[in-house]
């Protein structure tokens, strides 16, 4: 008699890292210095490389200040190929709850092996170099992902997740 082996997928929060760059009361550093540091610290603490990251759920407020700094930070640390989207385009800005909801969206993207699109985006600003997914989402295995949450007062938080697989007999 043959046994069926099912794989159960869940996600594991590897690490959360925070930085405060104190650049401005409401605007992020234009070159994303705090975001760069937070992403690097999260990867280092999680013991993963930039090449491991298969999806970034960006803070993505669609403001010129956020777009330029966050896109630059992502490209600086992870390169131009990692898929990036902002689930905030579906939910709106939930202020203090945004990070939690976006973490759940990141976990669901990993669970379903699907990078969601950035809703409402029809074209990118000239200064965005990151690989923003818009138009439609894409199927993709996501073994590791990060979720960025940046806010007023220049605080920067990055969560790193791992897709966890184990067999259930």
C-alpha atoms as a PDB file:
ATOM      1  CA  UNK A   1       0.000   0.000   0.000  1.00  0.00           C
ATOM      2  CA  UNK A   2       1.459   3.344  -1.061  1.00  0.00           C
ATOM      3  CA  UNK A   3       1.442   6.228   1.406  1.00  0.00           C
ATOM      4  CA  UNK A   4       0.466   9.661   0.211  1.00  0.00           C
ATOM      5  CA  UNK A   5       2.774  12.342   1.463  1.00  0.00           C
ATOM      6  CA  UNK A   6       1.362  15.845   1.604  1.00  0.00           C
ATOM      7  CA  UNK A   7       3.518  18.888   1.986  1.00  0.00           C
ATOM      8  CA  UNK A   8       2.273  21.529   4.336  1.00  0.00           C
ATOM      9  CA  UNK A   9       3.513  25.042   3.757  1.00  0.00           C
ATOM     10  CA  UNK A  10       3.776  27.690   6.362  1.00  0.00           C
ATOM     11  CA  UNK A  11       5.935  30.723   6.776  1.00  0.00           C
ATOM     12  CA  UNK A  12       8.425  31.534   9.443  1.00  0.00           C
ATOM     13  CA  UNK A  13       9.256  35.062  10.488  1.00  0.00           C
ATOM     14  CA  UNK A  14      13.021  35.005  10.535  1.00  0.00           C
ATOM     15  CA  UNK A  15      13.688  38.480  11.844  1.00  0.00           C
ATOM     16  CA  UNK A  16      12.483  42.027  12.151  1.00  0.00           C
ATOM     17  CA  UNK A  17      14.925  44.907  12.023  1.00  0.00           C
ATOM     18  CA  UNK A  18      14.340  48.577  12.774  1.00  0.00           C
ATOM     19  CA  UNK A  19      16.332  51.697  12.093  1.00  0.00           C
ATOM     20  CA  UNK A  20      15.698  55.368  12.726  1.00  0.00           C
ATOM     21  CA  UNK A  21      17.528  57.759  10.465  1.00  0.00           C
ATOM     22  CA  UNK A  22      15.997  60.972  11.902  1.00  0.00           C
ATOM     23  CA  UNK A  23      16.244  62.637   8.513  1.00  0.00           C
ATOM     24  CA  UNK A  24      12.959  64.539   8.651  1.00  0.00           C
ATOM     25  CA  UNK A  25       9.753  64.520  10.650  1.00  0.00           C
ATOM     26  CA  UNK A  26       7.588  63.296   7.737  1.00  0.00           C
ATOM     27  CA  UNK A  27       9.880  62.532   4.787  1.00  0.00           C
ATOM     28  CA  UNK A  28      12.271  59.615   4.335  1.00  0.00           C
ATOM     29  CA  UNK A  29      15.878  60.191   3.404  1.00  0.00           C
ATOM     30  CA  UNK A  30      15.879  60.863  -0.374  1.00  0.00           C
ATOM     31  CA  UNK A  31      18.550  58.210  -0.960  1.00  0.00           C
ATOM     32  CA  UNK A  32      16.902  55.688   1.342  1.00  0.00           C
ATOM     33  CA  UNK A  33      19.795  55.489   3.799  1.00  0.00           C
ATOM     34  CA  UNK A  34      17.667  54.252   6.701  1.00  0.00           C
ATOM     35  CA  UNK A  35      15.833  51.795   4.455  1.00  0.00           C
ATOM     36  CA  UNK A  36      19.129  50.448   3.084  1.00  0.00           C
ATOM     37  CA  UNK A  37      20.429  49.880   6.601  1.00  0.00           C
ATOM     38  CA  UNK A  38      17.191  48.182   7.737  1.00  0.00           C
ATOM     39  CA  UNK A  39      17.124  45.826   4.730  1.00  0.00           C
ATOM     40  CA  UNK A  40      20.796  44.928   5.159  1.00  0.00           C
ATOM     41  CA  UNK A  41      20.375  44.294   8.893  1.00  0.00           C
ATOM     42  CA  UNK A  42      17.309  42.102   8.313  1.00  0.00           C
ATOM     43  CA  UNK A  43      19.144  39.960   5.747  1.00  0.00           C
ATOM     44  CA  UNK A  44      22.214  39.698   7.945  1.00  0.00           C
ATOM     45  CA  UNK A  45      20.228  38.732  11.034  1.00  0.00           C
ATOM     46  CA  UNK A  46      18.130  36.213   9.044  1.00  0.00           C
ATOM     47  CA  UNK A  47      21.331  34.768   7.548  1.00  0.00           C
ATOM     48  CA  UNK A  48      20.070  35.089   3.978  1.00  0.00           C
ATOM     49  CA  UNK A  49      21.665  36.725   0.962  1.00  0.00           C
ATOM     50  CA  UNK A  50      20.157  39.345  -1.337  1.00  0.00           C
ATOM     51  CA  UNK A  51      19.930  36.634  -4.031  1.00  0.00           C
ATOM     52  CA  UNK A  52      17.692  34.554  -1.722  1.00  0.00           C
ATOM     53  CA  UNK A  53      14.945  37.195  -1.625  1.00  0.00           C
ATOM     54  CA  UNK A  54      12.288  36.368  -4.233  1.00  0.00           C
ATOM     55  CA  UNK A  55       9.730  39.058  -3.366  1.00  0.00           C
ATOM     56  CA  UNK A  56       9.564  42.453  -1.689  1.00  0.00           C
ATOM     57  CA  UNK A  57       6.313  43.839  -0.349  1.00  0.00           C
ATOM     58  CA  UNK A  58       7.235  47.506  -0.516  1.00  0.00           C
ATOM     59  CA  UNK A  59       6.007  50.199   1.837  1.00  0.00           C
ATOM     60  CA  UNK A  60       4.864  51.808  -1.418  1.00  0.00           C
ATOM     61  CA  UNK A  61       2.887  54.913  -0.506  1.00  0.00           C
ATOM     62  CA  UNK A  62       3.095  56.258  -4.080  1.00  0.00           C
ATOM     63  CA  UNK A  63       4.565  59.543  -2.927  1.00  0.00           C
ATOM     64  CA  UNK A  64       7.588  60.847  -4.833  1.00  0.00           C
ATOM     65  CA  UNK A  65       9.682  60.974  -1.649  1.00  0.00           C
ATOM     66  CA  UNK A  66       8.879  57.361  -0.699  1.00  0.00           C
ATOM     67  CA  UNK A  67       9.121  55.989  -4.245  1.00  0.00           C
ATOM     68  CA  UNK A  68      12.583  57.345  -4.921  1.00  0.00           C
ATOM     69  CA  UNK A  69      14.124  56.414  -1.586  1.00  0.00           C
ATOM     70  CA  UNK A  70      12.561  52.966  -1.298  1.00  0.00           C
ATOM     71  CA  UNK A  71      13.222  52.008  -4.912  1.00  0.00           C
ATOM     72  CA  UNK A  72      16.816  53.118  -4.531  1.00  0.00           C
ATOM     73  CA  UNK A  73      17.208  51.172  -1.291  1.00  0.00           C
ATOM     74  CA  UNK A  74      15.795  47.982  -2.820  1.00  0.00           C
ATOM     75  CA  UNK A  75      18.041  48.241  -5.869  1.00  0.00           C
ATOM     76  CA  UNK A  76      21.101  49.074  -3.749  1.00  0.00           C
ATOM     77  CA  UNK A  77      20.683  46.025  -1.520  1.00  0.00           C
ATOM     78  CA  UNK A  78      18.825  43.474  -3.674  1.00  0.00           C
ATOM     79  CA  UNK A  79      19.485  44.524  -7.262  1.00  0.00           C
ATOM     80  CA  UNK A  80      17.064  45.303 -10.071  1.00  0.00           C
ATOM     81  CA  UNK A  81      15.563  41.853 -10.682  1.00  0.00           C
ATOM     82  CA  UNK A  82      13.684  40.948  -7.482  1.00  0.00           C
ATOM     83  CA  UNK A  83       9.917  41.396  -7.964  1.00  0.00           C
ATOM     84  CA  UNK A  84       8.466  44.257  -5.930  1.00  0.00           C
ATOM     85  CA  UNK A  85       4.870  45.254  -5.358  1.00  0.00           C
ATOM     86  CA  UNK A  86       2.903  47.273  -2.855  1.00  0.00           C
ATOM     87  CA  UNK A  87      -0.164  45.661  -1.363  1.00  0.00           C
ATOM     88  CA  UNK A  88      -1.023  49.079   0.080  1.00  0.00           C
ATOM     89  CA  UNK A  89      -2.461  49.754  -3.382  1.00  0.00           C
ATOM     90  CA  UNK A  90      -5.262  47.292  -2.483  1.00  0.00           C
ATOM     91  CA  UNK A  91      -5.831  48.232   1.155  1.00  0.00           C
ATOM     92  CA  UNK A  92      -5.029  51.912   1.324  1.00  0.00           C
ATOM     93  CA  UNK A  93      -2.745  53.195   4.050  1.00  0.00           C
ATOM     94  CA  UNK A  94      -3.802  51.611   7.307  1.00  0.00           C
ATOM     95  CA  UNK A  95      -1.347  53.708   9.337  1.00  0.00           C
ATOM     96  CA  UNK A  96      -0.358  51.746  12.475  1.00  0.00           C
ATOM     97  CA  UNK A  97      -1.947  48.553  11.156  1.00  0.00           C
ATOM     98  CA  UNK A  98      -0.243  48.720   7.752  1.00  0.00           C
ATOM     99  CA  UNK A  99       2.800  46.653   8.739  1.00  0.00           C
ATOM    100  CA  UNK A 100       0.712  43.819  10.184  1.00  0.00           C
ATOM    101  CA  UNK A 101      -1.654  43.647   7.211  1.00  0.00           C
ATOM    102  CA  UNK A 102       1.247  43.804   4.747  1.00  0.00           C
ATOM    103  CA  UNK A 103       3.032  41.014   6.632  1.00  0.00           C
ATOM    104  CA  UNK A 104      -0.077  38.858   6.190  1.00  0.00           C
ATOM    105  CA  UNK A 105      -0.203  39.752   2.479  1.00  0.00           C
ATOM    106  CA  UNK A 106       3.467  38.753   2.153  1.00  0.00           C
ATOM    107  CA  UNK A 107       2.802  35.417   3.847  1.00  0.00           C
ATOM    108  CA  UNK A 108      -0.149  34.787   1.536  1.00  0.00           C
ATOM    109  CA  UNK A 109       1.952  35.641  -1.521  1.00  0.00           C
ATOM    110  CA  UNK A 110       4.491  33.044  -0.364  1.00  0.00           C
ATOM    111  CA  UNK A 111       1.800  30.483   0.432  1.00  0.00           C
ATOM    112  CA  UNK A 112       0.202  30.834  -3.000  1.00  0.00           C
ATOM    113  CA  UNK A 113       3.490  31.290  -4.927  1.00  0.00           C
ATOM    114  CA  UNK A 114       2.104  34.465  -6.431  1.00  0.00           C
ATOM    115  CA  UNK A 115       3.500  37.989  -6.540  1.00  0.00           C
ATOM    116  CA  UNK A 116       0.552  40.394  -6.463  1.00  0.00           C
ATOM    117  CA  UNK A 117       0.486  43.377  -8.761  1.00  0.00           C
ATOM    118  CA  UNK A 118       0.643  46.953  -7.585  1.00  0.00           C
ATOM    119  CA  UNK A 119      -2.971  47.932  -8.243  1.00  0.00           C
ATOM    120  CA  UNK A 120      -3.716  51.105 -10.139  1.00  0.00           C
ATOM    121  CA  UNK A 121      -0.208  51.537 -11.515  1.00  0.00           C
ATOM    122  CA  UNK A 122      -0.091  52.144 -15.240  1.00  0.00           C
ATOM    123  CA  UNK A 123       3.418  53.543 -15.595  1.00  0.00           C
ATOM    124  CA  UNK A 124       6.415  54.096 -13.378  1.00  0.00           C
ATOM    125  CA  UNK A 125       8.153  57.324 -12.530  1.00  0.00           C
ATOM    126  CA  UNK A 126      11.457  57.813 -14.346  1.00  0.00           C
ATOM    127  CA  UNK A 127      13.507  57.483 -11.144  1.00  0.00           C
ATOM    128  CA  UNK A 128      12.179  54.036 -10.202  1.00  0.00           C
ATOM    129  CA  UNK A 129      14.680  51.308 -11.025  1.00  0.00           C
ATOM    130  CA  UNK A 130      13.177  48.503  -8.940  1.00  0.00           C
ATOM    131  CA  UNK A 131      11.285  45.686 -10.699  1.00  0.00           C
ATOM    132  CA  UNK A 132       7.767  46.870  -9.841  1.00  0.00           C
ATOM    133  CA  UNK A 133       5.076  44.339 -10.739  1.00  0.00           C
ATOM    134  CA  UNK A 134       2.022  46.064 -12.198  1.00  0.00           C
ATOM    135  CA  UNK A 135      -0.573  45.270 -14.828  1.00  0.00           C
ATOM    136  CA  UNK A 136      -0.975  41.758 -13.483  1.00  0.00           C
ATOM    137  CA  UNK A 137       0.665  39.623 -10.829  1.00  0.00           C
ATOM    138  CA  UNK A 138       2.945  36.700 -11.585  1.00  0.00           C
ATOM    139  CA  UNK A 139       3.285  33.141 -10.431  1.00  0.00           C
ATOM    140  CA  UNK A 140       6.641  32.550  -8.780  1.00  0.00           C
ATOM    141  CA  UNK A 141       8.095  30.379  -6.056  1.00  0.00           C
ATOM    142  CA  UNK A 142       8.884  32.594  -3.077  1.00  0.00           C
ATOM    143  CA  UNK A 143      11.202  30.819  -0.633  1.00  0.00           C
ATOM    144  CA  UNK A 144      12.186  34.117   1.048  1.00  0.00           C
ATOM    145  CA  UNK A 145      10.479  37.489   1.104  1.00  0.00           C
ATOM    146  CA  UNK A 146      10.761  40.787   2.920  1.00  0.00           C
ATOM    147  CA  UNK A 147       8.096  43.291   3.872  1.00  0.00           C
ATOM    148  CA  UNK A 148       9.086  46.934   4.314  1.00  0.00           C
ATOM    149  CA  UNK A 149       7.283  49.298   6.661  1.00  0.00           C
ATOM    150  CA  UNK A 150       8.567  52.841   6.775  1.00  0.00           C
ATOM    151  CA  UNK A 151       6.966  55.757   8.558  1.00  0.00           C
ATOM    152  CA  UNK A 152       6.950  59.273   9.857  1.00  0.00           C
ATOM    153  CA  UNK A 153       9.950  60.263  11.901  1.00  0.00           C
ATOM    154  CA  UNK A 154      12.077  58.185   9.535  1.00  0.00           C
ATOM    155  CA  UNK A 155      11.533  54.860  11.254  1.00  0.00           C
ATOM    156  CA  UNK A 156      12.198  51.841   9.064  1.00  0.00           C
ATOM    157  CA  UNK A 157      11.131  48.268   9.793  1.00  0.00           C
ATOM    158  CA  UNK A 158      11.855  45.224   7.625  1.00  0.00           C
ATOM    159  CA  UNK A 159      10.447  41.752   8.235  1.00  0.00           C
ATOM    160  CA  UNK A 160      12.163  38.746   6.635  1.00  0.00           C
ATOM    161  CA  UNK A 161      10.125  35.584   6.009  1.00  0.00           C
ATOM    162  CA  UNK A 162      11.028  32.054   4.968  1.00  0.00           C
ATOM    163  CA  UNK A 163       8.692  29.589   3.338  1.00  0.00           C
ATOM    164  CA  UNK A 164       8.763  26.580   5.600  1.00  0.00           C
ATOM    165  CA  UNK A 165       8.053  23.135   4.179  1.00  0.00           C
ATOM    166  CA  UNK A 166       7.593  19.897   6.008  1.00  0.00           C
ATOM    167  CA  UNK A 167       6.062  16.565   5.130  1.00  0.00           C
ATOM    168  CA  UNK A 168       2.964  15.231   6.775  1.00  0.00           C
ATOM    169  CA  UNK A 169       2.494  11.475   6.523  1.00  0.00           C
END
